[in-house]
PDB file of N, CA and C in Angstrom:
ATOM      1  N   MET A   1       1.097  -1.238  -0.706  1.00  0.00           N
ATOM      2  CA  MET A   1      -0.240   0.084  -0.468  1.00  0.00           C
ATOM      3  C   MET A   1       0.646   1.506  -0.320  1.00  0.00           C
ATOM      4  N   SER A   2       0.839   2.172  -0.684  1.00  0.00           N
ATOM      5  CA  SER A   2       1.364   3.418  -0.826  1.00  0.00           C
ATOM      6  C   SER A   2       0.806   4.581   0.400  1.00  0.00           C
ATOM      7  N   PRO A   3       1.548   5.409   0.495  1.00  0.00           N
ATOM      8  CA  PRO A   3       2.033   6.439   1.774  1.00  0.00           C
ATOM      9  C   PRO A   3       0.727   6.561   1.137  1.00  0.00           C
ATOM     10  N   GLU A   4       0.185   7.558   0.064  1.00  0.00           N
ATOM     11  CA  GLU A   4      -0.918   8.420   0.187  1.00  0.00           C
ATOM     12  C   GLU A   4      -2.525   7.829  -0.064  1.00  0.00           C
ATOM     13  N   THR A   5      -2.423   5.814  -0.446  1.00  0.00           N
ATOM     14  CA  THR A   5      -3.353   5.361   0.416  1.00  0.00           C
ATOM     15  C   THR A   5      -3.372   4.222   1.100  1.00  0.00           C
ATOM     16  N   HIS A   6      -2.497   5.319   2.391  1.00  0.00           N
ATOM     17  CA  HIS A   6      -2.817   5.164   3.455  1.00  0.00           C
ATOM     18  C   HIS A   6      -3.345   6.250   3.803  1.00  0.00           C
ATOM     19  N   LEU A   7      -3.183   7.561   3.863  1.00  0.00           N
ATOM     20  CA  LEU A   7      -3.249   8.602   4.026  1.00  0.00           C
ATOM     21  C   LEU A   7      -4.571   8.881   3.870  1.00  0.00           C
ATOM     22  N   SER A   8      -4.567   8.614   3.048  1.00  0.00           N
ATOM     23  CA  SER A   8      -5.907   8.671   1.879  1.00  0.00           C
ATOM     24  C   SER A   8      -7.261   8.397   3.027  1.00  0.00           C
ATOM     25  N   GLU A   9      -6.858   6.647   2.872  1.00  0.00           N
ATOM     26  CA  GLU A   9      -7.611   5.994   4.383  1.00  0.00           C
ATOM     27  C   GLU A   9      -8.237   6.514   6.117  1.00  0.00           C
ATOM     28  N   LEU A  10      -6.507   6.691   5.960  1.00  0.00           N
ATOM     29  CA  LEU A  10      -7.295   6.517   7.633  1.00  0.00           C
ATOM     30  C   LEU A  10      -7.887   8.800   7.985  1.00  0.00           C
ATOM     31  N   GLU A  11      -7.512   8.813   6.997  1.00  0.00           N
ATOM     32  CA  GLU A  11      -7.949  10.668   7.040  1.00  0.00           C
ATOM     33  C   GLU A  11      -9.123  10.317   6.809  1.00  0.00           C
ATOM     34  N   GLU A  12     -10.086   9.098   5.678  1.00  0.00           N
ATOM     35  CA  GLU A  12     -11.225   8.376   5.319  1.00  0.00           C
ATOM     36  C   GLU A  12     -11.924   8.562   7.558  1.00  0.00           C
ATOM     37  N   GLU A  13     -11.173   7.129   7.635  1.00  0.00           N
ATOM     38  CA  GLU A  13     -11.183   7.496   8.761  1.00  0.00           C
ATOM     39  C   GLU A  13     -11.669   8.295  10.196  1.00  0.00           C
ATOM     40  N   MET A  14     -11.225   9.641  10.047  1.00  0.00           N
ATOM     41  CA  MET A  14     -10.494  10.865  10.658  1.00  0.00           C
ATOM     42  C   MET A  14     -12.702  10.927  10.117  1.00  0.00           C
ATOM     43  N   ALA A  15     -13.114  11.308   9.077  1.00  0.00           N
ATOM     44  CA  ALA A  15     -13.929  11.837   8.606  1.00  0.00           C
ATOM     45  C   ALA A  15     -14.321  11.444   9.743  1.00  0.00           C
ATOM     46  N   GLN A  16     -14.893   9.881  10.015  1.00  0.00           N
ATOM     47  CA  GLN A  16     -16.358   9.284  10.149  1.00  0.00           C
ATOM     48  C   GLN A  16     -16.241   9.096  11.635  1.00  0.00           C
ATOM     49  N   ALA A  17     -14.501   9.241  12.818  1.00  0.00           N
ATOM     50  CA  ALA A  17     -14.971   9.633  14.188  1.00  0.00           C
ATOM     51  C   ALA A  17     -15.364  10.845  14.167  1.00  0.00           C
ATOM     52  N   VAL A  18     -14.951  11.592  13.687  1.00  0.00           N
ATOM     53  CA  VAL A  18     -15.528  12.958  13.567  1.00  0.00           C
ATOM     54  C   VAL A  18     -17.116  12.821  13.519  1.00  0.00           C
ATOM     55  N   ALA A  19     -17.581  12.397  12.253  1.00  0.00           N
ATOM     56  CA  ALA A  19     -18.655  12.204  12.129  1.00  0.00           C
ATOM     57  C   ALA A  19     -20.380  11.424  13.159  1.00  0.00           C
ATOM     58  N   SER A  20     -19.226  10.937  14.361  1.00  0.00           N
ATOM     59  CA  SER A  20     -19.946   9.794  15.463  1.00  0.00           C
ATOM     60  C   SER A  20     -19.304   9.900  16.668  1.00  0.00           C
ATOM     61  N   GLU A  21     -18.242  11.784  16.542  1.00  0.00           N
ATOM     62  CA  GLU A  21     -18.388  11.908  17.244  1.00  0.00           C
ATOM     63  C   GLU A  21     -17.339  11.538  18.182  1.00  0.00           C
ATOM     64  N   ASP A  22     -16.884  10.921  17.747  1.00  0.00           N
ATOM     65  CA  ASP A  22     -15.451  10.000  18.847  1.00  0.00           C
ATOM     66  C   ASP A  22     -13.921  11.158  18.439  1.00  0.00           C
ATOM     67  N   PHE A  23     -13.812  11.971  18.836  1.00  0.00           N
ATOM     68  CA  PHE A  23     -12.895  12.832  18.879  1.00  0.00           C
ATOM     69  C   PHE A  23     -11.774  12.653  20.040  1.00  0.00           C
ATOM     70  N   GLU A  24     -11.024  11.180  20.567  1.00  0.00           N
ATOM     71  CA  GLU A  24     -10.473  10.626  21.180  1.00  0.00           C
ATOM     72  C   GLU A  24      -9.584   9.905  20.290  1.00  0.00           C
ATOM     73  N   THR A  25     -10.233   9.092  18.907  1.00  0.00           N
ATOM     74  CA  THR A  25     -10.293   8.442  17.622  1.00  0.00           C
ATOM     75  C   THR A  25      -9.609   8.967  17.013  1.00  0.00           C
ATOM     76  N   ALA A  26     -10.536  10.526  16.240  1.00  0.00           N
ATOM     77  CA  ALA A  26     -10.002  11.317  15.764  1.00  0.00           C
ATOM     78  C   ALA A  26      -8.824  12.155  15.868  1.00  0.00           C
ATOM     79  N   ALA A  27      -8.453  12.748  17.109  1.00  0.00           N
ATOM     80  CA  ALA A  27      -7.493  12.767  17.306  1.00  0.00           C
ATOM     81  C   ALA A  27      -6.080  12.252  17.081  1.00  0.00           C
ATOM     82  N   LEU A  28      -5.703  10.575  17.438  1.00  0.00           N
ATOM     83  CA  LEU A  28      -5.026   9.705  17.839  1.00  0.00           C
ATOM     84  C   LEU A  28      -5.165   9.915  16.182  1.00  0.00           C
ATOM     85  N   LEU A  29      -5.799   9.474  15.176  1.00  0.00           N
ATOM     86  CA  LEU A  29      -5.152   9.771  13.940  1.00  0.00           C
ATOM     87  C   LEU A  29      -4.884  10.745  13.410  1.00  0.00           C
ATOM     88  N   ARG A  30      -5.877  11.827  13.919  1.00  0.00           N
ATOM     89  CA  ARG A  30      -4.615  13.502  12.853  1.00  0.00           C
ATOM     90  C   ARG A  30      -3.779  13.565  13.651  1.00  0.00           C
ATOM     91  N   GLY A  31      -2.746  12.571  14.509  1.00  0.00           N
ATOM     92  CA  GLY A  31      -1.424  12.571  15.328  1.00  0.00           C
ATOM     93  C   GLY A  31      -0.977  11.207  14.125  1.00  0.00           C
ATOM     94  N   GLN A  32      -0.927  10.253  13.571  1.00  0.00           N
ATOM     95  CA  GLN A  32      -0.805   9.817  12.920  1.00  0.00           C
ATOM     96  C   GLN A  32      -0.249  10.305  11.642  1.00  0.00           C
ATOM     97  N   ILE A  33      -2.074  10.634  11.133  1.00  0.00           N
ATOM     98  CA  ILE A  33      -0.904  11.887   9.311  1.00  0.00           C
ATOM     99  C   ILE A  33      -0.169  13.421   9.538  1.00  0.00           C
ATOM    100  N   ASP A  34      -0.814  13.442  10.566  1.00  0.00           N
ATOM    101  CA  ASP A  34       0.549  14.262  10.513  1.00  0.00           C
ATOM    102  C   ASP A  34       1.977  13.533  11.195  1.00  0.00           C
ATOM    103  N   GLN A  35       1.538  12.554  11.141  1.00  0.00           N
ATOM    104  CA  GLN A  35       3.523  12.277  11.758  1.00  0.00           C
ATOM    105  C   GLN A  35       3.781  11.166  10.442  1.00  0.00           C
ATOM    106  N   ILE A  36       3.129  11.053   9.533  1.00  0.00           N
ATOM    107  CA  ILE A  36       3.181   9.995   7.851  1.00  0.00           C
ATOM    108  C   ILE A  36       3.562  11.542   7.308  1.00  0.00           C
ATOM    109  N   ARG A  37       3.622  12.732   7.440  1.00  0.00           N
ATOM    110  CA  ARG A  37       3.501  13.781   6.588  1.00  0.00           C
ATOM    111  C   ARG A  37       4.219  14.137   6.807  1.00  0.00           C
ATOM    112  N   ARG A  38       5.168  14.621   8.162  1.00  0.00           N
ATOM    113  CA  ARG A  38       6.443  14.919   8.739  1.00  0.00           C
ATOM    114  C   ARG A  38       7.861  14.591   8.165  1.00  0.00           C
ATOM    115  N   ASP A  39       7.078  12.732   8.178  1.00  0.00           N
ATOM    116  CA  ASP A  39       8.396  11.998   7.710  1.00  0.00           C
ATOM    117  C   ASP A  39       8.449  11.202   6.481  1.00  0.00           C
ATOM    118  N   GLN A  40       7.828  12.001   5.473  1.00  0.00           N
ATOM    119  CA  GLN A  40       6.988  12.482   3.766  1.00  0.00           C
ATOM    120  C   GLN A  40       8.277  13.141   3.974  1.00  0.00           C
ATOM    121  N   ARG A  41       8.253  14.775   4.374  1.00  0.00           N
ATOM    122  CA  ARG A  41       8.861  15.987   3.474  1.00  0.00           C
ATOM    123  C   ARG A  41      10.178  15.506   4.944  1.00  0.00           C
ATOM    124  N   VAL A  42      10.370  14.269   5.199  1.00  0.00           N
ATOM    125  CA  VAL A  42      12.047  14.356   5.614  1.00  0.00           C
ATOM    126  C   VAL A  42      12.930  13.716   4.182  1.00  0.00           C
ATOM    127  N   LEU A  43      11.777  12.653   3.847  1.00  0.00           N
ATOM    128  CA  LEU A  43      12.417  11.773   2.476  1.00  0.00           C
ATOM    129  C   LEU A  43      12.547  12.829   1.416  1.00  0.00           C
ATOM    130  N   GLU A  44      11.808  13.816   1.045  1.00  0.00           N
ATOM    131  CA  GLU A  44      12.242  15.021  -0.189  1.00  0.00           C
ATOM    132  C   GLU A  44      12.889  15.604   0.374  1.00  0.00           C
ATOM    133  N   GLN A  45      14.222  15.867   1.394  1.00  0.00           N
ATOM    134  CA  GLN A  45      15.325  17.070   1.220  1.00  0.00           C
ATOM    135  C   GLN A  45      15.832  16.732   0.146  1.00  0.00           C
ATOM    136  N   PRO A  46      16.238  17.619   0.172  1.00  0.00           N
ATOM    137  CA  PRO A  46      17.959  17.191  -0.359  1.00  0.00           C
ATOM    138  C   PRO A  46      18.661  16.501  -0.061  1.00  0.00           C
ATOM    139  N   GLY A  47      19.588  15.242  -0.241  1.00  0.00           N
ATOM    140  CA  GLY A  47      20.612  15.095   1.177  1.00  0.00           C
ATOM    141  C   GLY A  47      19.980  13.490   2.168  1.00  0.00           C
ATOM    142  N   ALA A  48      18.474  13.315   1.069  1.00  0.00           N
ATOM    143  CA  ALA A  48      17.226  12.045   2.070  1.00  0.00           C
ATOM    144  C   ALA A  48      18.203  10.912   2.543  1.00  0.00           C
ATOM    145  N   GLY A  49      19.508  10.954   1.287  1.00  0.00           N
ATOM    146  CA  GLY A  49      20.181   9.505   1.201  1.00  0.00           C
ATOM    147  C   GLY A  49      20.837   9.095   2.992  1.00  0.00           C
ATOM    148  N   GLY A  50      20.496  10.742   3.972  1.00  0.00           N
ATOM    149  CA  GLY A  50      21.643  10.103   5.022  1.00  0.00           C
ATOM    150  C   GLY A  50      20.855   9.207   5.964  1.00  0.00           C
ATOM    151  N   PRO A  51      22.329   9.068   6.891  1.00  0.00           N
ATOM    152  CA  PRO A  51      21.286   8.083   8.055  1.00  0.00           C
ATOM    153  C   PRO A  51      19.412   8.341   8.555  1.00  0.00           C
ATOM    154  N   GLN A  52      19.211   9.070   8.789  1.00  0.00           N
ATOM    155  CA  GLN A  52      17.555   9.974   9.460  1.00  0.00           C
ATOM    156  C   GLN A  52      17.168   9.340   8.002  1.00  0.00           C
ATOM    157  N   ALA A  53      17.164   9.729   7.177  1.00  0.00           N
ATOM    158  CA  ALA A  53      16.078   9.293   6.677  1.00  0.00           C
ATOM    159  C   ALA A  53      16.181   7.934   6.238  1.00  0.00           C
ATOM    160  N   ALA A  54      17.764   6.972   6.477  1.00  0.00           N
ATOM    161  CA  ALA A  54      18.180   5.408   6.399  1.00  0.00           C
ATOM    162  C   ALA A  54      16.716   4.473   7.242  1.00  0.00           C
ATOM    163  N   TYR A  55      16.986   5.878   8.453  1.00  0.00           N
ATOM    164  CA  TYR A  55      15.568   5.495   9.117  1.00  0.00           C
ATOM    165  C   TYR A  55      13.847   5.250   8.832  1.00  0.00           C
ATOM    166  N   PHE A  56      13.793   7.190   8.352  1.00  0.00           N
ATOM    167  CA  PHE A  56      12.423   6.652   8.565  1.00  0.00           C
ATOM    168  C   PHE A  56      12.307   5.582   7.042  1.00  0.00           C
ATOM    169  N   LYS A  57      12.888   5.197   5.750  1.00  0.00           N
ATOM    170  CA  LYS A  57      13.352   4.649   5.264  1.00  0.00           C
ATOM    171  C   LYS A  57      12.256   3.139   5.543  1.00  0.00           C
ATOM    172  N   GLN A  58      12.958   3.293   6.215  1.00  0.00           N
ATOM    173  CA  GLN A  58      13.247   1.065   7.291  1.00  0.00           C
ATOM    174  C   GLN A  58      12.129   1.019   8.209  1.00  0.00           C
ATOM    175  N   ARG A  59      11.682   2.229   8.662  1.00  0.00           N
ATOM    176  CA  ARG A  59      10.688   2.459   9.557  1.00  0.00           C
ATOM    177  C   ARG A  59       9.152   2.416   8.502  1.00  0.00           C
ATOM    178  N   GLU A  60       9.065   3.222   7.582  1.00  0.00           N
ATOM    179  CA  GLU A  60       7.873   3.181   6.122  1.00  0.00           C
ATOM    180  C   GLU A  60       8.038   1.589   5.445  1.00  0.00           C
ATOM    181  N   ALA A  61       8.633   1.141   5.642  1.00  0.00           N
ATOM    182  CA  ALA A  61       9.125  -0.113   4.781  1.00  0.00           C
ATOM    183  C   ALA A  61       8.053  -1.646   6.310  1.00  0.00           C
ATOM    184  N   ARG A  62       8.482  -0.400   7.356  1.00  0.00           N
ATOM    185  CA  ARG A  62       7.456  -2.028   8.512  1.00  0.00           C
ATOM    186  C   ARG A  62       6.619  -1.404   8.214  1.00  0.00           C
ATOM    187  N   THR A  63       5.600  -0.088   8.419  1.00  0.00           N
ATOM    188  CA  THR A  63       4.787   0.183   9.188  1.00  0.00           C
ATOM    189  C   THR A  63       3.327  -0.033   7.622  1.00  0.00           C
ATOM    190  N   PHE A  64       4.034   0.004   6.070  1.00  0.00           N
ATOM    191  CA  PHE A  64       3.404   0.514   4.839  1.00  0.00           C
ATOM    192  C   PHE A  64       2.675  -1.504   4.187  1.00  0.00           C
TER     193      PHE A  64
END
């Protein structure tokens, strides 16, 4: 599953949680979405072949 697909699914789950007024779950999902977006920005920066990017790439491989 691509990161974009995973983000779309998390956003849909978050919208459903908000609609059902499950704000705790919505907040947790928002945190996951924000973390994925931060990780993607790190990987897109110049020099993304460095140690920090390698860590995120390993994490991404396990997550998705």
